[in-house]
């Protein structure tokens, strides 16, 4: 796989991770606000789930930025590395082959 196609794959994964981070980060903050008024178990579980997705999206975003930086500085070493995808990408597209 060429460095240019790898860079475009990293870019699309970056956009997905940033989208999931914004959506689930804001949703997690809203759920925390709801927890002040509603202390039900389902509310706590939803808040933990949403916050975990936001945190995982943030860590994927950091890993993708580091991979992009390394790919641009040393393309031969990182050409065959696997581009991490957000966890929801794997949850929705679980049937796709894992390259």
C-alpha atoms as a PDB file:
ATOM      1  CA  UNK A   1       0.000   0.000   0.000  1.00  0.00           C
ATOM      2  CA  UNK A   2       1.419   3.362  -0.956  1.00  0.00           C
ATOM      3  CA  UNK A   3       2.054   6.130   1.523  1.00  0.00           C
ATOM      4  CA  UNK A   4      -0.546   8.339  -0.160  1.00  0.00           C
ATOM      5  CA  UNK A   5      -3.357   5.798   0.164  1.00  0.00           C
ATOM      6  CA  UNK A   6      -2.291   5.075   3.737  1.00  0.00           C
ATOM      7  CA  UNK A   7      -2.445   8.821   4.476  1.00  0.00           C
ATOM      8  CA  UNK A   8      -5.964   9.054   3.036  1.00  0.00           C
ATOM      9  CA  UNK A   9      -7.029   6.055   5.132  1.00  0.00           C
ATOM     10  CA  UNK A  10      -5.596   7.763   8.212  1.00  0.00           C
ATOM     11  CA  UNK A  11      -7.468  10.958   7.321  1.00  0.00           C
ATOM     12  CA  UNK A  12     -10.805   9.181   7.038  1.00  0.00           C
ATOM     13  CA  UNK A  13     -10.210   7.410  10.361  1.00  0.00           C
ATOM     14  CA  UNK A  14      -9.253  10.744  11.928  1.00  0.00           C
ATOM     15  CA  UNK A  15     -12.523  12.285  10.775  1.00  0.00           C
ATOM     16  CA  UNK A  16     -14.535   9.338  12.112  1.00  0.00           C
ATOM     17  CA  UNK A  17     -12.755   9.455  15.469  1.00  0.00           C
ATOM     18  CA  UNK A  18     -13.196  13.214  15.784  1.00  0.00           C
ATOM     19  CA  UNK A  19     -16.891  12.880  14.927  1.00  0.00           C
ATOM     20  CA  UNK A  20     -17.413  10.141  17.527  1.00  0.00           C
ATOM     21  CA  UNK A  21     -15.440  12.131  20.102  1.00  0.00           C
ATOM     22  CA  UNK A  22     -17.570  15.250  19.638  1.00  0.00           C
ATOM     23  CA  UNK A  23     -20.906  13.426  19.541  1.00  0.00           C
ATOM     24  CA  UNK A  24     -20.270  11.053  22.422  1.00  0.00           C
ATOM     25  CA  UNK A  25     -18.333  13.635  24.427  1.00  0.00           C
ATOM     26  CA  UNK A  26     -21.246  16.060  24.319  1.00  0.00           C
ATOM     27  CA  UNK A  27     -23.715  13.255  24.954  1.00  0.00           C
ATOM     28  CA  UNK A  28     -21.621  12.121  27.925  1.00  0.00           C
ATOM     29  CA  UNK A  29     -21.608  15.635  29.361  1.00  0.00           C
ATOM     30  CA  UNK A  30     -25.372  15.825  28.942  1.00  0.00           C
ATOM     31  CA  UNK A  31     -25.733  12.438  30.649  1.00  0.00           C
ATOM     32  CA  UNK A  32     -23.604  13.663  33.562  1.00  0.00           C
ATOM     33  CA  UNK A  33     -25.970  16.619  33.929  1.00  0.00           C
ATOM     34  CA  UNK A  34     -28.928  14.199  33.976  1.00  0.00           C
ATOM     35  CA  UNK A  35     -27.219  12.163  36.706  1.00  0.00           C
ATOM     36  CA  UNK A  36     -27.513  15.123  39.074  1.00  0.00           C
ATOM     37  CA  UNK A  37     -31.304  14.767  38.934  1.00  0.00           C
ATOM     38  CA  UNK A  38     -31.829  11.087  38.172  1.00  0.00           C
ATOM     39  CA  UNK A  39     -29.769   8.521  40.065  1.00  0.00           C
ATOM     40  CA  UNK A  40     -31.163   5.415  38.375  1.00  0.00           C
ATOM     41  CA  UNK A  41     -28.937   2.493  37.486  1.00  0.00           C
ATOM     42  CA  UNK A  42     -29.719   2.699  33.769  1.00  0.00           C
ATOM     43  CA  UNK A  43     -28.679   6.355  33.739  1.00  0.00           C
ATOM     44  CA  UNK A  44     -25.371   5.494  35.358  1.00  0.00           C
ATOM     45  CA  UNK A  45     -24.735   2.637  32.910  1.00  0.00           C
ATOM     46  CA  UNK A  46     -25.555   4.771  29.858  1.00  0.00           C
ATOM     47  CA  UNK A  47     -23.259   7.526  31.129  1.00  0.00           C
ATOM     48  CA  UNK A  48     -20.402   5.072  31.648  1.00  0.00           C
ATOM     49  CA  UNK A  49     -20.930   3.526  28.188  1.00  0.00           C
ATOM     50  CA  UNK A  50     -21.061   6.878  26.398  1.00  0.00           C
ATOM     51  CA  UNK A  51     -18.053   8.213  28.300  1.00  0.00           C
ATOM     52  CA  UNK A  52     -16.043   5.075  27.504  1.00  0.00           C
ATOM     53  CA  UNK A  53     -16.727   5.518  23.780  1.00  0.00           C
ATOM     54  CA  UNK A  54     -15.652   9.170  23.976  1.00  0.00           C
ATOM     55  CA  UNK A  55     -12.434   8.251  25.816  1.00  0.00           C
ATOM     56  CA  UNK A  56     -11.668   5.461  23.332  1.00  0.00           C
ATOM     57  CA  UNK A  57     -12.268   7.845  20.430  1.00  0.00           C
ATOM     58  CA  UNK A  58      -9.835  10.309  21.979  1.00  0.00           C
ATOM     59  CA  UNK A  59      -7.133   7.657  22.361  1.00  0.00           C
ATOM     60  CA  UNK A  60      -7.701   6.493  18.762  1.00  0.00           C
ATOM     61  CA  UNK A  61      -7.407  10.103  17.625  1.00  0.00           C
ATOM     62  CA  UNK A  62      -4.054  10.461  19.393  1.00  0.00           C
ATOM     63  CA  UNK A  63      -2.773   7.174  17.941  1.00  0.00           C
ATOM     64  CA  UNK A  64      -3.802   8.213  14.435  1.00  0.00           C
ATOM     65  CA  UNK A  65      -2.049  11.559  14.725  1.00  0.00           C
ATOM     66  CA  UNK A  66       1.127   9.840  15.900  1.00  0.00           C
ATOM     67  CA  UNK A  67       0.893   7.313  13.057  1.00  0.00           C
ATOM     68  CA  UNK A  68       0.413  10.086  10.499  1.00  0.00           C
ATOM     69  CA  UNK A  69       3.443  11.940  11.869  1.00  0.00           C
ATOM     70  CA  UNK A  70       5.569   8.779  11.789  1.00  0.00           C
ATOM     71  CA  UNK A  71       4.356   7.879   8.300  1.00  0.00           C
ATOM     72  CA  UNK A  72       5.375  11.276   6.977  1.00  0.00           C
ATOM     73  CA  UNK A  73       8.800  11.212   8.623  1.00  0.00           C
ATOM     74  CA  UNK A  74       9.662   7.533   7.918  1.00  0.00           C
ATOM     75  CA  UNK A  75       7.317   6.198   5.223  1.00  0.00           C
ATOM     76  CA  UNK A  76       9.206   2.950   4.620  1.00  0.00           C
ATOM     77  CA  UNK A  77       8.962   1.817   8.240  1.00  0.00           C
ATOM     78  CA  UNK A  78       5.276   2.583   8.756  1.00  0.00           C
ATOM     79  CA  UNK A  79       3.869   1.743   5.310  1.00  0.00           C
ATOM     80  CA  UNK A  80       2.552  -1.672   6.380  1.00  0.00           C
ATOM     81  CA  UNK A  81       1.238  -0.626   9.788  1.00  0.00           C
ATOM     82  CA  UNK A  82      -2.432  -1.095  10.593  1.00  0.00           C
ATOM     83  CA  UNK A  83      -4.556   2.043  10.833  1.00  0.00           C
ATOM     84  CA  UNK A  84      -6.659   1.942  14.017  1.00  0.00           C
ATOM     85  CA  UNK A  85     -10.392   2.449  13.582  1.00  0.00           C
ATOM     86  CA  UNK A  86     -12.868   3.736  16.181  1.00  0.00           C
ATOM     87  CA  UNK A  87     -14.596   1.086  18.273  1.00  0.00           C
ATOM     88  CA  UNK A  88     -18.007   1.912  16.802  1.00  0.00           C
ATOM     89  CA  UNK A  89     -16.641   1.295  13.313  1.00  0.00           C
ATOM     90  CA  UNK A  90     -15.857  -2.279  14.351  1.00  0.00           C
ATOM     91  CA  UNK A  91     -19.204  -2.607  16.139  1.00  0.00           C
ATOM     92  CA  UNK A  92     -21.186  -1.541  13.075  1.00  0.00           C
ATOM     93  CA  UNK A  93     -19.007  -3.102  10.363  1.00  0.00           C
ATOM     94  CA  UNK A  94     -18.068  -6.296  12.216  1.00  0.00           C
ATOM     95  CA  UNK A  95     -18.736  -8.378   9.104  1.00  0.00           C
ATOM     96  CA  UNK A  96     -15.990  -6.686   7.053  1.00  0.00           C
ATOM     97  CA  UNK A  97     -12.647  -8.479   6.801  1.00  0.00           C
ATOM     98  CA  UNK A  98      -9.995  -7.266   9.216  1.00  0.00           C
ATOM     99  CA  UNK A  99      -6.930  -6.231   7.230  1.00  0.00           C
END
